[in-house]
């Protein structure tokens, strides 16, 4: 398990440095590498590919959603309301489309 954490941290930092961005893609790639390590420990290619898919999805989604703090952390009330309104259509917007 410690190897998975070390691989995740190292790959995350390396991909971030190579890409020049700090976003969810880095976590997804690092999650895949950590999942491959889990498969290597079991000496199973299917387990490695499954671990890659699982950890890449889990870590990429976690990072994309903003982690424990969420994407709206640090936003003012007005900014949060604007962000939320952009995610969902209102009844008036739906009536305009008809």
C-alpha atoms as a PDB file:
ATOM      1  CA  UNK A   1       0.000   0.000   0.000  1.00  0.00           C
ATOM      2  CA  UNK A   2       2.845   2.395   0.723  1.00  0.00           C
ATOM      3  CA  UNK A   3       4.213   1.742  -2.756  1.00  0.00           C
ATOM      4  CA  UNK A   4       0.870   2.725  -4.264  1.00  0.00           C
ATOM      5  CA  UNK A   5       0.893   6.012  -2.355  1.00  0.00           C
ATOM      6  CA  UNK A   6       4.464   6.758  -3.373  1.00  0.00           C
ATOM      7  CA  UNK A   7       3.796   5.923  -7.013  1.00  0.00           C
ATOM      8  CA  UNK A   8       0.645   8.042  -6.978  1.00  0.00           C
ATOM      9  CA  UNK A   9       2.432  11.066  -5.518  1.00  0.00           C
ATOM     10  CA  UNK A  10       5.430  10.718  -7.820  1.00  0.00           C
ATOM     11  CA  UNK A  11       3.428  10.229 -11.004  1.00  0.00           C
ATOM     12  CA  UNK A  12       1.039  13.041 -10.063  1.00  0.00           C
ATOM     13  CA  UNK A  13       3.958  15.444  -9.606  1.00  0.00           C
ATOM     14  CA  UNK A  14       5.728  14.246 -12.758  1.00  0.00           C
ATOM     15  CA  UNK A  15       2.651  14.539 -14.975  1.00  0.00           C
ATOM     16  CA  UNK A  16       1.887  17.960 -13.531  1.00  0.00           C
ATOM     17  CA  UNK A  17       5.426  19.099 -14.323  1.00  0.00           C
ATOM     18  CA  UNK A  18       5.372  17.652 -17.844  1.00  0.00           C
ATOM     19  CA  UNK A  19       1.940  19.040 -18.746  1.00  0.00           C
ATOM     20  CA  UNK A  20       2.388  22.344 -16.963  1.00  0.00           C
ATOM     21  CA  UNK A  21      -1.114  22.045 -15.507  1.00  0.00           C
ATOM     22  CA  UNK A  22      -2.465  21.002 -12.135  1.00  0.00           C
ATOM     23  CA  UNK A  23      -5.839  19.449 -12.854  1.00  0.00           C
ATOM     24  CA  UNK A  24      -7.844  16.227 -12.620  1.00  0.00           C
ATOM     25  CA  UNK A  25      -6.020  14.567 -15.525  1.00  0.00           C
ATOM     26  CA  UNK A  26      -2.848  14.340 -13.439  1.00  0.00           C
ATOM     27  CA  UNK A  27      -4.736  12.535 -10.678  1.00  0.00           C
ATOM     28  CA  UNK A  28      -6.342  10.163 -13.171  1.00  0.00           C
ATOM     29  CA  UNK A  29      -2.978   9.203 -14.676  1.00  0.00           C
ATOM     30  CA  UNK A  30      -1.444   8.797 -11.221  1.00  0.00           C
ATOM     31  CA  UNK A  31      -4.440   6.714 -10.119  1.00  0.00           C
ATOM     32  CA  UNK A  32      -3.939   4.439 -13.094  1.00  0.00           C
ATOM     33  CA  UNK A  33      -0.264   3.979 -12.217  1.00  0.00           C
ATOM     34  CA  UNK A  34      -1.178   3.156  -8.625  1.00  0.00           C
ATOM     35  CA  UNK A  35      -3.758   0.632  -9.845  1.00  0.00           C
ATOM     36  CA  UNK A  36      -1.159  -1.020 -12.053  1.00  0.00           C
ATOM     37  CA  UNK A  37       1.074  -1.406  -8.990  1.00  0.00           C
ATOM     38  CA  UNK A  38      -1.780  -3.192  -7.213  1.00  0.00           C
ATOM     39  CA  UNK A  39      -2.041  -5.607 -10.149  1.00  0.00           C
ATOM     40  CA  UNK A  40       1.713  -6.138 -10.217  1.00  0.00           C
ATOM     41  CA  UNK A  41       1.590  -7.043  -6.540  1.00  0.00           C
ATOM     42  CA  UNK A  42      -0.973  -9.743  -7.338  1.00  0.00           C
ATOM     43  CA  UNK A  43       0.986 -10.717 -10.462  1.00  0.00           C
ATOM     44  CA  UNK A  44      -2.157 -10.368 -12.539  1.00  0.00           C
ATOM     45  CA  UNK A  45      -2.602  -8.322 -15.688  1.00  0.00           C
ATOM     46  CA  UNK A  46      -6.425  -8.218 -15.392  1.00  0.00           C
ATOM     47  CA  UNK A  47      -6.140  -7.026 -11.790  1.00  0.00           C
ATOM     48  CA  UNK A  48      -3.686  -4.328 -12.891  1.00  0.00           C
ATOM     49  CA  UNK A  49      -5.955  -3.128 -15.679  1.00  0.00           C
ATOM     50  CA  UNK A  50      -8.978  -3.189 -13.381  1.00  0.00           C
ATOM     51  CA  UNK A  51      -7.046  -1.330 -10.697  1.00  0.00           C
ATOM     52  CA  UNK A  52      -5.914   1.199 -13.286  1.00  0.00           C
ATOM     53  CA  UNK A  53      -9.490   1.810 -14.450  1.00  0.00           C
ATOM     54  CA  UNK A  54     -10.873   1.987 -10.915  1.00  0.00           C
ATOM     55  CA  UNK A  55      -8.249   4.251  -9.380  1.00  0.00           C
ATOM     56  CA  UNK A  56      -8.046   6.510 -12.449  1.00  0.00           C
ATOM     57  CA  UNK A  57     -11.819   6.998 -12.358  1.00  0.00           C
ATOM     58  CA  UNK A  58     -11.974   7.449  -8.591  1.00  0.00           C
ATOM     59  CA  UNK A  59      -9.079   9.877  -8.289  1.00  0.00           C
ATOM     60  CA  UNK A  60      -9.911  11.812 -11.453  1.00  0.00           C
ATOM     61  CA  UNK A  61     -13.518  12.255 -10.325  1.00  0.00           C
ATOM     62  CA  UNK A  62     -12.446  13.238  -6.823  1.00  0.00           C
ATOM     63  CA  UNK A  63     -10.048  15.863  -8.116  1.00  0.00           C
ATOM     64  CA  UNK A  64     -12.479  17.111 -10.783  1.00  0.00           C
ATOM     65  CA  UNK A  65     -15.211  17.634  -8.175  1.00  0.00           C
ATOM     66  CA  UNK A  66     -12.890  19.682  -5.982  1.00  0.00           C
ATOM     67  CA  UNK A  67     -12.135  17.092  -3.321  1.00  0.00           C
ATOM     68  CA  UNK A  68     -13.545  17.527   0.136  1.00  0.00           C
ATOM     69  CA  UNK A  69     -13.850  21.293  -0.244  1.00  0.00           C
ATOM     70  CA  UNK A  70     -15.757  21.252  -3.526  1.00  0.00           C
ATOM     71  CA  UNK A  71     -15.509  23.507  -6.541  1.00  0.00           C
ATOM     72  CA  UNK A  72     -17.407  26.308  -4.824  1.00  0.00           C
ATOM     73  CA  UNK A  73     -14.973  26.616  -1.909  1.00  0.00           C
ATOM     74  CA  UNK A  74     -13.832  30.214  -1.614  1.00  0.00           C
ATOM     75  CA  UNK A  75     -16.590  31.615  -3.826  1.00  0.00           C
ATOM     76  CA  UNK A  76     -18.834  34.408  -2.673  1.00  0.00           C
ATOM     77  CA  UNK A  77     -22.580  33.817  -2.380  1.00  0.00           C
ATOM     78  CA  UNK A  78     -23.166  35.594  -5.703  1.00  0.00           C
ATOM     79  CA  UNK A  79     -20.514  33.519  -7.473  1.00  0.00           C
ATOM     80  CA  UNK A  80     -22.020  30.300  -6.077  1.00  0.00           C
ATOM     81  CA  UNK A  81     -25.496  31.299  -7.265  1.00  0.00           C
ATOM     82  CA  UNK A  82     -24.166  32.091 -10.747  1.00  0.00           C
ATOM     83  CA  UNK A  83     -22.290  28.779 -10.855  1.00  0.00           C
ATOM     84  CA  UNK A  84     -25.395  26.840  -9.804  1.00  0.00           C
ATOM     85  CA  UNK A  85     -27.663  28.633 -12.264  1.00  0.00           C
ATOM     86  CA  UNK A  86     -25.287  27.732 -15.083  1.00  0.00           C
ATOM     87  CA  UNK A  87     -25.607  24.044 -14.257  1.00  0.00           C
ATOM     88  CA  UNK A  88     -29.394  23.747 -14.441  1.00  0.00           C
ATOM     89  CA  UNK A  89     -32.015  25.150 -16.753  1.00  0.00           C
ATOM     90  CA  UNK A  90     -34.811  27.138 -15.141  1.00  0.00           C
ATOM     91  CA  UNK A  91     -38.490  26.731 -15.993  1.00  0.00           C
ATOM     92  CA  UNK A  92     -38.363  30.018 -17.902  1.00  0.00           C
ATOM     93  CA  UNK A  93     -35.412  28.777 -19.992  1.00  0.00           C
ATOM     94  CA  UNK A  94     -37.291  25.597 -20.858  1.00  0.00           C
ATOM     95  CA  UNK A  95     -40.380  27.593 -21.916  1.00  0.00           C
ATOM     96  CA  UNK A  96     -38.232  29.782 -24.174  1.00  0.00           C
ATOM     97  CA  UNK A  97     -36.872  26.717 -25.966  1.00  0.00           C
ATOM     98  CA  UNK A  98     -40.370  25.495 -26.930  1.00  0.00           C
END
